[in-house]
Structure formats: C-alpha cells, structure tokens
N, C-alpha and C. Protein backbone atom coordinates (compact mmCIF):
# COMPACT_ATOMS: atom_id res chain seq x y z
N MET A 1 1.00 -1.00 -0.37
CA MET A 1 0.14 -0.01 0.07
C MET A 1 0.89 1.44 -0.21
N PHE A 2 1.90 1.33 0.83
CA PHE A 2 2.94 2.49 0.93
C PHE A 2 3.67 2.58 0.13
N ARG A 3 4.10 1.53 -0.29
CA ARG A 3 4.99 1.41 -1.94
C ARG A 3 3.99 2.41 -3.30
N VAL A 4 2.87 2.04 -3.38
CA VAL A 4 2.18 2.51 -4.36
C VAL A 4 1.87 4.42 -4.07
N ALA A 5 1.71 4.91 -2.86
CA ALA A 5 1.41 5.72 -2.66
C ALA A 5 2.85 6.92 -2.53
N GLY A 6 3.77 5.96 -1.73
CA GLY A 6 4.98 6.74 -1.88
C GLY A 6 5.40 6.97 -3.22
N TRP A 7 5.24 6.15 -4.50
CA TRP A 7 6.06 5.92 -5.40
C TRP A 7 5.45 7.34 -6.27
N LEU A 8 4.21 7.41 -5.95
CA LEU A 8 3.46 8.35 -6.69
C LEU A 8 3.86 10.05 -5.67
N ALA A 9 3.83 10.02 -4.66
CA ALA A 9 4.23 11.11 -3.56
C ALA A 9 5.23 11.49 -4.43
N ALA A 10 6.69 10.76 -4.28
CA ALA A 10 7.79 11.00 -4.99
C ALA A 10 8.32 11.29 -6.14
N HIS A 11 7.39 10.87 -7.15
CA HIS A 11 7.16 11.26 -8.35
C HIS A 11 6.29 12.73 -9.03
N SER A 12 5.36 12.98 -8.11
CA SER A 12 4.08 13.89 -8.57
C SER A 12 4.88 15.16 -9.19
N ALA A 13 5.90 15.61 -8.20
CA ALA A 13 6.09 16.80 -8.67
C ALA A 13 6.64 16.70 -10.26
N ALA A 14 7.84 15.71 -10.25
CA ALA A 14 8.20 15.59 -11.81
C ALA A 14 7.46 15.22 -12.93
N LEU A 15 6.23 14.41 -12.63
CA LEU A 15 5.32 13.97 -13.40
C LEU A 15 4.46 15.60 -13.85
N ALA A 16 4.59 16.47 -12.87
CA ALA A 16 3.82 17.51 -13.15
C ALA A 16 4.38 18.57 -14.12
N GLY A 17 5.91 18.78 -14.21
CA GLY A 17 6.63 19.49 -14.67
C GLY A 17 6.96 18.55 -15.81
N LYS A 18 6.66 17.37 -15.85
CA LYS A 18 6.94 16.72 -17.62
C LYS A 18 5.68 17.14 -17.93
N ALA A 19 4.57 17.36 -17.26
CA ALA A 19 3.27 17.18 -18.12
C ALA A 19 3.06 18.94 -19.07
N ALA A 20 3.68 19.45 -18.12
CA ALA A 20 3.66 21.35 -18.12
C ALA A 20 4.69 21.42 -19.78
N ASN A 21 5.59 20.56 -19.66
CA ASN A 21 6.55 20.78 -21.18
C ASN A 21 5.96 19.63 -22.00
N GLY A 22 4.78 18.93 -21.71
CA GLY A 22 4.46 18.35 -23.02
C GLY A 22 4.84 17.00 -23.21
N HIS A 23 5.32 16.27 -21.95
CA HIS A 23 6.24 15.19 -21.96
C HIS A 23 5.50 14.34 -22.81
N ASP A 24 5.46 12.92 -23.23
CA ASP A 24 4.37 11.65 -23.60
C ASP A 24 4.64 10.79 -22.95
N PHE A 25 5.34 10.84 -21.79
CA PHE A 25 5.40 9.63 -20.48
C PHE A 25 5.35 8.30 -21.25
N HIS A 26 6.13 7.94 -22.16
CA HIS A 26 6.53 7.10 -22.84
C HIS A 26 7.42 5.66 -21.68
N SER A 27 8.28 6.91 -21.13
CA SER A 27 9.40 6.34 -19.95
C SER A 27 8.64 6.04 -18.80
N LEU A 28 7.28 6.03 -18.52
CA LEU A 28 6.65 5.56 -17.17
C LEU A 28 5.74 4.46 -17.62
N ARG A 29 5.78 3.96 -18.85
CA ARG A 29 4.82 2.27 -18.70
C ARG A 29 5.61 1.26 -17.94
N ALA A 30 7.16 1.06 -17.57
CA ALA A 30 7.23 0.12 -17.33
C ALA A 30 7.03 0.25 -15.42
N PRO A 31 7.34 1.72 -14.90
CA PRO A 31 6.87 1.44 -13.68
C PRO A 31 5.54 1.13 -13.34
N LEU A 32 4.68 1.80 -14.58
CA LEU A 32 3.04 1.53 -14.09
C LEU A 32 2.63 0.05 -14.53
N ARG A 33 3.41 -0.71 -15.35
CA ARG A 33 3.35 -1.77 -15.64
C ARG A 33 3.49 -3.00 -14.02
N VAL A 34 4.52 -2.39 -13.48
CA VAL A 34 5.13 -3.19 -11.96
C VAL A 34 4.21 -2.91 -11.51
N LEU A 35 3.11 -1.64 -11.30
CA LEU A 35 2.49 -0.80 -10.05
C LEU A 35 1.47 -1.61 -10.38
N SER A 36 0.59 -2.16 -11.50
CA SER A 36 -0.46 -2.36 -12.11
C SER A 36 -0.52 -4.09 -11.58
N ALA A 37 0.93 -4.95 -11.98
CA ALA A 37 0.74 -6.24 -11.58
C ALA A 37 0.51 -6.46 -10.09
N ASP A 38 1.39 -5.25 -9.33
CA ASP A 38 1.18 -5.84 -7.60
C ASP A 38 -0.31 -5.31 -7.39
N LEU A 39 -0.97 -4.30 -8.04
CA LEU A 39 -2.54 -3.95 -7.69
C LEU A 39 -3.43 -5.21 -7.75
N SER A 40 -2.92 -5.92 -9.18
CA SER A 40 -4.15 -6.81 -9.27
C SER A 40 -3.62 -8.16 -8.46
N THR A 41 -2.68 -8.59 -7.39
CA THR A 41 -2.73 -9.43 -6.61
C THR A 41 -2.71 -8.79 -5.00
N GLY A 42 -3.13 -7.53 -5.26
CA GLY A 42 -3.37 -6.55 -3.86
C GLY A 42 -4.54 -7.08 -3.48
N THR A 43 -5.22 -6.01 -2.45
CA THR A 43 -6.09 -6.02 -1.68
C THR A 43 -6.78 -4.35 -1.95
N ILE A 44 -8.15 -4.54 -1.66
CA ILE A 44 -9.09 -3.17 -1.96
C ILE A 44 -8.50 -2.48 -1.57
N LEU A 45 -7.73 -2.25 -0.04
CA LEU A 45 -6.68 -1.19 0.44
C LEU A 45 -6.11 -0.57 -0.53
N HIS A 46 -4.94 -1.50 -1.15
CA HIS A 46 -4.12 -1.10 -2.26
C HIS A 46 -4.70 -0.65 -3.35
N LYS A 47 -6.10 -0.86 -4.06
CA LYS A 47 -6.83 -0.27 -4.56
C LYS A 47 -7.01 1.05 -4.51
N GLN A 48 -7.61 1.16 -3.20
CA GLN A 48 -8.30 2.37 -2.71
C GLN A 48 -6.93 3.39 -2.64
N THR A 49 -5.72 3.05 -2.28
CA THR A 49 -4.85 4.04 -2.21
C THR A 49 -4.35 4.19 -3.38
N LEU A 50 -4.43 3.34 -4.30
CA LEU A 50 -4.00 4.04 -5.98
C LEU A 50 -5.03 4.88 -6.21
N VAL A 51 -5.92 4.93 -6.19
CA VAL A 51 -6.98 5.92 -6.25
C VAL A 51 -6.86 7.12 -6.08
N LEU A 52 -6.38 7.23 -4.46
CA LEU A 52 -6.57 8.38 -4.11
C LEU A 52 -5.24 9.15 -4.59
N ALA A 53 -4.40 8.24 -4.43
CA ALA A 53 -3.21 8.84 -4.81
C ALA A 53 -3.11 9.66 -6.34
N ALA A 54 -4.05 9.01 -7.44
CA ALA A 54 -3.83 9.56 -8.68
C ALA A 54 -5.42 10.80 -8.12
N LEU A 55 -6.40 10.51 -7.45
CA LEU A 55 -6.70 11.84 -7.27
C LEU A 55 -5.72 13.22 -6.52
N LEU A 56 -5.29 12.80 -6.12
CA LEU A 56 -3.82 13.78 -5.26
C LEU A 56 -3.07 14.07 -6.28
N SER A 57 -2.50 13.29 -7.51
CA SER A 57 -1.71 13.93 -8.40
C SER A 57 -3.00 14.70 -9.66
N LEU A 58 -3.90 14.47 -9.74
CA LEU A 58 -4.78 15.21 -10.48
C LEU A 58 -5.01 16.48 -10.06
N ALA A 59 -4.96 16.71 -8.58
CA ALA A 59 -5.34 17.74 -7.66
C ALA A 59 -4.00 18.78 -7.91
N ALA A 60 -2.46 18.12 -7.80
CA ALA A 60 -1.61 18.46 -7.54
C ALA A 60 -1.12 19.37 -8.99
N SER A 61 -1.75 18.83 -10.08
CA SER A 61 -2.02 19.32 -10.99
C SER A 61 -2.81 20.65 -11.72
N ALA A 62 -3.70 20.87 -11.22
CA ALA A 62 -4.38 21.36 -11.39
C ALA A 62 -4.20 23.27 -11.54
N PRO A 63 -3.28 23.51 -10.80
CA PRO A 63 -2.11 24.86 -11.43
C PRO A 63 -1.70 24.58 -12.74
N ILE A 64 -1.13 23.69 -13.49
CA ILE A 64 -0.83 23.41 -14.65
C ILE A 64 -2.02 23.92 -15.51
N ALA A 65 -3.34 23.36 -15.12
CA ALA A 65 -4.44 23.41 -15.93
C ALA A 65 -4.78 24.81 -15.93
N ALA A 66 -4.60 25.81 -14.78
CA ALA A 66 -5.13 27.13 -15.25
C ALA A 66 -4.19 28.03 -15.43
N GLN A 67 -3.11 27.51 -16.38
CA GLN A 67 -2.40 28.68 -16.59
C GLN A 67 -3.04 29.11 -17.81
N PRO A 68 -2.96 30.48 -18.18
CA PRO A 68 -3.44 31.31 -19.12
C PRO A 68 -3.19 30.63 -20.39
N LEU A 69 -4.32 30.84 -21.42
CA LEU A 69 -3.56 30.21 -22.86
C LEU A 69 -2.93 30.62 -23.55
N PRO A 70 -1.90 29.90 -24.21
CA PRO A 70 -1.23 31.04 -25.12
C PRO A 70 -1.87 32.02 -25.86
N ALA A 71 -0.63 32.58 -26.80
CA ALA A 71 -1.78 33.55 -27.84
C ALA A 71 -1.92 33.08 -29.02
N ALA A 72 -1.67 32.20 -29.35
CA ALA A 72 -2.38 31.58 -30.39
C ALA A 72 -4.07 31.44 -30.20
N ALA A 73 -4.08 31.26 -28.71
CA ALA A 73 -5.45 29.94 -28.51
C ALA A 73 -6.05 31.30 -27.91
N SER A 74 -5.84 32.68 -27.94
CA SER A 74 -6.77 33.39 -27.23
C SER A 74 -7.62 33.50 -28.24
N PRO A 75 -9.06 34.13 -27.64
CA PRO A 75 -10.14 34.48 -28.00
C PRO A 75 -9.94 35.61 -29.43
N THR A 76 -10.85 35.53 -30.23
CA THR A 76 -10.92 36.86 -31.49
C THR A 76 -11.24 37.75 -30.73
N PRO A 77 -10.51 39.03 -31.26
CA PRO A 77 -10.91 40.30 -31.19
C PRO A 77 -12.55 40.91 -31.49
N ILE A 78 -13.11 39.77 -32.29
CA ILE A 78 -14.37 40.21 -32.96
C ILE A 78 -15.22 38.73 -32.99
N LYS A 79 -16.36 39.21 -32.57
CA LYS A 79 -17.50 38.06 -33.27
C LYS A 79 -18.26 38.63 -33.59
N ARG A 80 -18.44 38.09 -34.51
CA ARG A 80 -19.58 38.02 -35.37
C ARG A 80 -20.88 37.40 -35.54
N THR A 81 -22.27 37.43 -35.08
CA THR A 81 -23.03 36.37 -35.08
C THR A 81 -24.26 36.78 -36.08
N ILE A 82 -24.31 36.32 -37.18
CA ILE A 82 -25.41 36.20 -38.15
C ILE A 82 -26.38 36.19 -37.69
N LEU A 83 -27.32 37.30 -37.66
CA LEU A 83 -29.29 36.98 -37.60
C LEU A 83 -29.80 36.51 -38.69
N GLN A 84 -29.34 36.88 -39.82
CA GLN A 84 -30.28 36.59 -40.99
C GLN A 84 -29.30 37.27 -42.60
N LYS A 85 -30.00 36.23 -43.52
CA LYS A 85 -29.75 36.97 -44.54
C LYS A 85 -30.72 37.07 -45.26
N VAL A 86 -30.85 37.73 -46.44
CA VAL A 86 -31.79 38.28 -47.56
C VAL A 86 -31.48 38.75 -48.57
N ASP A 87 -31.98 37.84 -49.80
CA ASP A 87 -31.54 38.15 -50.77
C ASP A 87 -32.02 39.33 -51.21
N VAL A 88 -31.37 40.34 -52.27
CA VAL A 88 -31.50 41.38 -52.58
C VAL A 88 -32.77 41.24 -54.10
N PRO A 89 -33.63 41.36 -54.26
CA PRO A 89 -34.58 40.98 -55.66
C PRO A 89 -34.05 41.60 -56.65
N THR A 90 -34.01 41.11 -57.79
CA THR A 90 -33.22 41.36 -59.20
C THR A 90 -31.78 41.40 -58.86
N ALA A 91 -30.91 41.04 -58.33
CA ALA A 91 -29.61 41.17 -58.13
C ALA A 91 -29.04 40.16 -57.48
N ASN A 92 -27.79 40.34 -57.78
CA ASN A 92 -27.27 39.18 -57.44
C ASN A 92 -26.08 39.35 -56.06
N TYR A 93 -27.03 40.09 -55.52
CA TYR A 93 -26.65 40.24 -53.79
C TYR A 93 -27.20 39.56 -52.63
N GLU A 94 -26.98 40.26 -51.40
CA GLU A 94 -27.88 39.60 -50.35
C GLU A 94 -27.37 40.32 -49.32
N THR A 95 -28.25 40.81 -48.36
CA THR A 95 -28.30 41.62 -47.11
C THR A 95 -28.09 40.84 -46.00
N ILE A 96 -27.15 40.92 -45.67
CA ILE A 96 -26.50 40.28 -44.29
C ILE A 96 -26.80 40.95 -42.74
N THR A 97 -27.66 40.59 -41.91
CA THR A 97 -27.95 41.64 -40.31
C THR A 97 -26.87 40.42 -39.38
N GLY A 98 -25.86 41.30 -38.78
CA GLY A 98 -25.60 40.25 -37.56
C GLY A 98 -24.85 41.64 -36.22
N ILE A 99 -24.73 40.79 -35.58
CA ILE A 99 -24.10 41.50 -33.89
C ILE A 99 -22.62 41.46 -34.20
N ALA A 100 -21.93 42.05 -34.06
CA ALA A 100 -20.26 42.26 -33.65
C ALA A 100 -19.98 42.45 -32.24
N GLU A 101 -19.23 41.78 -31.68
CA GLU A 101 -19.09 42.25 -30.52
C GLU A 101 -17.54 42.14 -30.45
N ILE A 102 -17.00 43.61 -29.63
CA ILE A 102 -15.76 43.46 -30.05
C ILE A 102 -14.96 43.66 -28.49
N SER A 103 -14.01 43.35 -28.75
CA SER A 103 -13.35 43.22 -27.11
C SER A 103 -13.21 44.61 -26.95
N PRO A 104 -12.27 44.56 -25.51
CA PRO A 104 -12.36 46.28 -25.09
C PRO A 104 -10.30 46.08 -25.52
N ASN A 105 -10.39 47.62 -26.31
CA ASN A 105 -9.36 48.31 -26.24
C ASN A 105 -8.21 47.42 -27.01
N ILE A 106 -9.14 47.25 -28.57
CA ILE A 106 -8.78 46.49 -29.30
C ILE A 106 -8.65 47.15 -31.00
N ASN A 107 -8.09 46.98 -31.54
CA ASN A 107 -8.25 46.91 -32.96
C ASN A 107 -8.85 45.87 -33.70
N ILE A 108 -9.70 46.06 -34.61
CA ILE A 108 -10.11 44.33 -35.19
C ILE A 108 -9.64 44.38 -36.41
N GLY A 109 -8.66 45.28 -36.79
CA GLY A 109 -7.94 44.53 -38.11
C GLY A 109 -8.14 45.33 -39.23
N ARG A 110 -7.71 45.97 -40.00
CA ARG A 110 -7.52 46.04 -41.36
C ARG A 110 -8.77 45.46 -41.91
N HIS A 111 -9.60 45.73 -42.96
CA HIS A 111 -10.41 44.99 -43.72
C HIS A 111 -11.01 45.78 -44.98
N THR A 112 -11.80 44.87 -45.66
CA THR A 112 -13.37 45.60 -46.50
C THR A 112 -14.36 44.66 -46.86
N HIS A 113 -15.44 45.10 -47.08
CA HIS A 113 -16.30 44.88 -47.63
C HIS A 113 -16.89 44.62 -49.22
N PHE A 114 -17.65 43.64 -50.06
CA PHE A 114 -17.44 43.92 -51.33
C PHE A 114 -18.82 44.86 -51.60
N GLY A 115 -19.41 45.33 -50.66
CA GLY A 115 -20.98 45.98 -50.51
C GLY A 115 -20.36 46.99 -49.16
N PRO A 116 -21.83 47.57 -49.29
CA PRO A 116 -21.46 48.70 -48.34
C PRO A 116 -21.74 47.99 -46.82
N GLU A 117 -21.49 49.03 -45.76
CA GLU A 117 -21.57 48.51 -44.41
C GLU A 117 -22.58 49.65 -43.86
N THR A 118 -23.66 49.48 -43.09
CA THR A 118 -24.12 49.99 -42.26
C THR A 118 -24.31 49.37 -40.77
N GLY A 119 -24.33 50.40 -39.70
CA GLY A 119 -24.57 49.52 -38.65
C GLY A 119 -24.81 50.71 -37.31
N TYR A 120 -25.40 50.32 -36.11
CA TYR A 120 -25.72 51.27 -35.24
C TYR A 120 -24.93 50.85 -33.64
N VAL A 121 -23.94 51.40 -33.21
CA VAL A 121 -23.83 51.27 -31.84
C VAL A 121 -24.62 50.79 -30.87
N MET A 122 -24.88 49.58 -30.50
CA MET A 122 -25.90 49.28 -29.40
C MET A 122 -25.16 49.24 -27.85
N GLU A 123 -23.89 48.97 -27.73
CA GLU A 123 -23.39 49.34 -26.53
C GLU A 123 -21.93 49.79 -26.18
N GLY A 124 -21.67 50.56 -25.72
CA GLY A 124 -19.86 50.40 -25.79
C GLY A 124 -19.61 52.03 -27.09
N GLU A 125 -18.18 51.80 -26.82
CA GLU A 125 -17.72 52.70 -27.74
C GLU A 125 -16.21 52.40 -27.97
N LEU A 126 -16.70 52.93 -29.88
CA LEU A 126 -15.14 52.53 -30.65
C LEU A 126 -15.00 53.96 -31.71
N VAL A 127 -14.07 53.42 -32.25
CA VAL A 127 -13.91 54.90 -33.02
C VAL A 127 -13.44 54.34 -34.39
N LEU A 128 -14.05 54.54 -35.26
CA LEU A 128 -14.04 53.90 -36.91
C LEU A 128 -12.90 54.29 -37.57
N LEU A 129 -12.50 54.14 -38.15
CA LEU A 129 -10.93 54.42 -39.18
C LEU A 129 -11.23 54.08 -40.27
N VAL A 130 -11.84 55.02 -41.50
CA VAL A 130 -11.96 54.87 -42.51
C VAL A 130 -11.17 55.17 -43.35
N ASP A 131 -10.30 54.95 -44.39
CA ASP A 131 -9.20 55.16 -45.23
C ASP A 131 -9.66 56.54 -46.22
N GLY A 132 -9.05 57.41 -46.01
CA GLY A 132 -9.58 58.40 -46.55
C GLY A 132 -11.17 59.65 -45.99
N LYS A 133 -10.82 59.21 -44.60
CA LYS A 133 -11.99 60.15 -44.14
C LYS A 133 -11.60 59.95 -42.32
N PRO A 134 -11.60 61.61 -42.00
CA PRO A 134 -11.00 61.60 -40.54
C PRO A 134 -11.77 60.23 -39.50
N ALA A 135 -11.23 60.27 -38.70
CA ALA A 135 -11.54 59.35 -37.47
C ALA A 135 -12.99 59.72 -37.11
N GLN A 136 -13.81 58.36 -36.43
CA GLN A 136 -14.68 58.94 -35.87
C GLN A 136 -15.62 58.36 -34.76
N THR A 137 -15.46 58.71 -33.95
CA THR A 137 -15.96 58.42 -32.32
C THR A 137 -17.17 57.87 -32.89
N LEU A 138 -18.08 56.84 -31.80
CA LEU A 138 -18.87 56.31 -32.39
C LEU A 138 -19.28 55.72 -30.56
N LYS A 139 -20.22 55.96 -30.04
CA LYS A 139 -20.83 55.79 -28.68
C LYS A 139 -22.25 54.99 -29.11
N THR A 140 -22.69 54.76 -27.82
CA THR A 140 -24.13 53.90 -27.89
C THR A 140 -25.16 54.93 -28.51
N GLY A 141 -25.68 54.31 -29.05
CA GLY A 141 -26.73 55.26 -29.87
C GLY A 141 -26.57 56.03 -31.33
N ASP A 142 -24.89 55.66 -31.64
CA ASP A 142 -24.84 56.54 -33.10
C ASP A 142 -24.80 55.17 -33.78
N SER A 143 -24.61 55.56 -35.35
CA SER A 143 -24.86 54.73 -36.50
C SER A 143 -23.84 55.63 -37.51
N TYR A 144 -23.72 54.10 -38.36
CA TYR A 144 -22.35 54.92 -39.65
C TYR A 144 -23.22 54.39 -40.39
N GLN A 145 -21.58 54.62 -41.75
CA GLN A 145 -22.23 53.61 -42.47
C GLN A 145 -20.12 53.52 -43.50
N VAL A 146 -20.27 52.88 -44.13
CA VAL A 146 -18.71 52.99 -44.53
C VAL A 146 -19.11 52.24 -46.26
N PRO A 147 -18.08 52.96 -47.10
CA PRO A 147 -18.87 52.59 -48.71
C PRO A 147 -18.07 51.45 -48.99
N PRO A 148 -18.74 50.92 -50.00
CA PRO A 148 -18.62 49.39 -50.69
C PRO A 148 -16.76 49.74 -50.81
N GLY A 149 -15.47 48.44 -50.58
CA GLY A 149 -14.45 48.33 -51.00
C GLY A 149 -13.78 49.38 -50.31
N ALA A 150 -14.32 50.24 -49.07
CA ALA A 150 -12.76 51.02 -48.31
C ALA A 150 -12.44 50.27 -47.19
N PRO A 151 -10.98 50.14 -47.39
CA PRO A 151 -10.70 49.75 -46.14
C PRO A 151 -10.51 50.29 -45.19
N HIS A 152 -10.96 49.68 -43.86
CA HIS A 152 -11.16 50.54 -42.65
C HIS A 152 -10.73 49.38 -41.26
N ASP A 153 -11.40 50.10 -40.00
CA ASP A 153 -10.55 49.22 -38.98
C ASP A 153 -11.17 50.03 -37.93
N ALA A 154 -11.40 49.63 -36.94
CA ALA A 154 -12.17 50.20 -35.73
C ALA A 154 -11.77 49.74 -34.31
N ARG A 155 -11.08 50.87 -33.16
CA ARG A 155 -10.32 50.30 -32.07
C ARG A 155 -11.65 50.58 -31.40
N SER A 156 -11.92 49.76 -30.31
CA SER A 156 -12.87 49.79 -29.09
C SER A 156 -12.39 50.34 -28.31
N GLY A 157 -13.20 51.05 -27.06
CA GLY A 157 -12.76 51.14 -25.69
C GLY A 157 -12.73 50.33 -24.88
N GLU A 158 -12.62 51.15 -23.29
CA GLU A 158 -12.21 50.24 -22.47
C GLU A 158 -13.51 49.30 -21.77
N LYS A 159 -14.48 49.47 -22.35
CA LYS A 159 -15.42 48.31 -22.56
C LYS A 159 -15.87 47.34 -23.44
N GLY A 160 -15.37 47.91 -24.46
CA GLY A 160 -15.57 46.90 -25.54
C GLY A 160 -16.55 47.49 -26.23
N ALA A 161 -17.50 47.24 -26.99
CA ALA A 161 -18.69 48.04 -28.07
C ALA A 161 -19.35 46.49 -28.34
N LYS A 162 -20.70 46.51 -28.72
CA LYS A 162 -21.42 45.75 -29.20
C LYS A 162 -22.19 46.41 -30.47
N VAL A 163 -22.39 46.29 -31.86
CA VAL A 163 -22.50 47.06 -32.72
C VAL A 163 -23.70 45.91 -33.78
N LEU A 164 -24.66 46.37 -34.22
CA LEU A 164 -25.75 45.85 -35.30
C LEU A 164 -25.23 46.18 -36.09
N ALA A 165 -25.09 45.40 -37.16
CA ALA A 165 -24.60 45.92 -38.59
C ALA A 165 -25.26 44.95 -39.78
N VAL A 166 -25.47 45.76 -40.82
CA VAL A 166 -25.74 45.31 -42.05
C VAL A 166 -25.11 45.35 -43.23
N TYR A 167 -24.75 43.92 -43.80
CA TYR A 167 -23.71 44.41 -45.10
C TYR A 167 -24.34 43.92 -46.35
N VAL A 168 -24.37 44.62 -47.30
CA VAL A 168 -24.81 44.10 -48.61
C VAL A 168 -23.32 43.28 -49.30
N VAL A 169 -23.42 42.51 -49.94
CA VAL A 169 -22.57 41.27 -50.30
C VAL A 169 -22.94 40.64 -51.31
N GLU A 170 -22.28 40.74 -52.09
CA GLU A 170 -22.17 40.12 -53.48
C GLU A 170 -22.73 38.74 -53.33
N LYS A 171 -23.23 37.95 -53.49
CA LYS A 171 -23.44 36.13 -53.48
C LYS A 171 -22.48 35.35 -53.87
N GLY A 172 -21.95 34.97 -52.87
CA GLY A 172 -20.61 34.01 -53.05
C GLY A 172 -19.32 34.32 -52.87
N LYS A 173 -19.65 35.65 -52.33
CA LYS A 173 -18.25 36.55 -51.91
C LYS A 173 -17.93 36.49 -50.55
N PRO A 174 -16.77 36.69 -49.60
CA PRO A 174 -16.71 36.49 -48.02
C PRO A 174 -17.24 37.98 -47.62
N LEU A 175 -17.95 37.82 -46.14
CA LEU A 175 -18.25 38.95 -45.93
C LEU A 175 -17.34 40.13 -45.51
N ALA A 176 -16.07 39.73 -45.12
CA ALA A 176 -14.85 40.26 -45.13
C ALA A 176 -13.60 40.13 -45.73
N THR A 177 -12.67 40.84 -45.84
CA THR A 177 -11.85 40.26 -46.38
C THR A 177 -10.69 41.05 -46.05
N PRO A 178 -9.25 40.50 -45.55
CA PRO A 178 -8.33 41.92 -44.64
C PRO A 178 -7.68 42.74 -45.86
N ALA A 179 -7.49 43.10 -45.42
CA ALA A 179 -7.18 44.50 -46.20
C ALA A 179 -5.40 45.23 -45.81
N PRO A 180 -4.66 45.29 -46.80
CA PRO A 180 -3.29 45.58 -46.52
C PRO A 180 -3.12 46.75 -45.50
C-alpha cells in the first residue's frame, strides 16, 4: 500500500513538470506495469490507495491546467453573429444582418467588404477608421456607414463595443477580407 502511494508522492512533482513541458510519458510505462501487477494481486485497500494517489496527482496538476492560454489560443478580438441573410430582389446580392461584439481596447484589423456596411452602436464606444476620412468616434446610439470596398478598422473603448451591422454582399463573396 505505502509503496504505490510513496512512488506517486515521490514522483508527482516530476510528473507535473513533465506534463507542463508536453512530455509523452513513454518512459513511465514500465513502472506503471509494475504497479498494476502489484495491485492485481493486492487488496482492496491497495486499490483504494492508488485511486487516492491518482486523485491527489490530479489535484496537484490543477495549477498547470489553470495557466493562461497561449497567445495563439486567445479569443478573437471580434465575434460576429449572423442574425439573418436576405436576397436582394433582381440582383446578385444579399443583405447580411449581424451583431459584432468587439473586445475592449483592441483594433479589429483592417479589412474591406464587397458592398456597403451600415451599423448602429448598441453598447460601448469605438473609433471608426475609414481610409480617406477623419476618425469617427461612435458611442451607444450612434450609427455609421462604410462605402463598398473601403479599407477600414475600428478601435474599441475600455468596455468594448456591441454593434448591429448590415452588410450588402455580392452572393458567393466573403463577408470581409483583410486589407493591407
């Protein structure tokens, strides 16, 4: 009983360190086979001790799981939720109505749309940056428009922003494309 718990206690810090560094644990197969062989002939008390030791190891690894996500796994600065798409009669276009939720204090990134964009700020504040036009500060209740194909960006305020936007897009074209 104490042999299994002692082995796990002695090695839990090393195991946690290896897990944090992405170790694949192939080197632990032999010791684990020995432990499982000992337990197959052991008592229920041995098995309960192993379960307890495994739970303690998991609890010791919780700080590793609580580490912040790497930058590549960070949430996107803008979340677009499409509410509806409607075909424009007698044209090869559709209107797309959606809500854009923008994280606080970020630029969403320069991009363009194949048609015009109009919008209404539902919450928060942002600065709309359209090429060839002065920066436009928008607050809750303000509306805006962006001409077709105009490269633009937006910088959200300290509380972020939530915008109701309507896009007119040529069918088959993406809603937005990156701009240089």
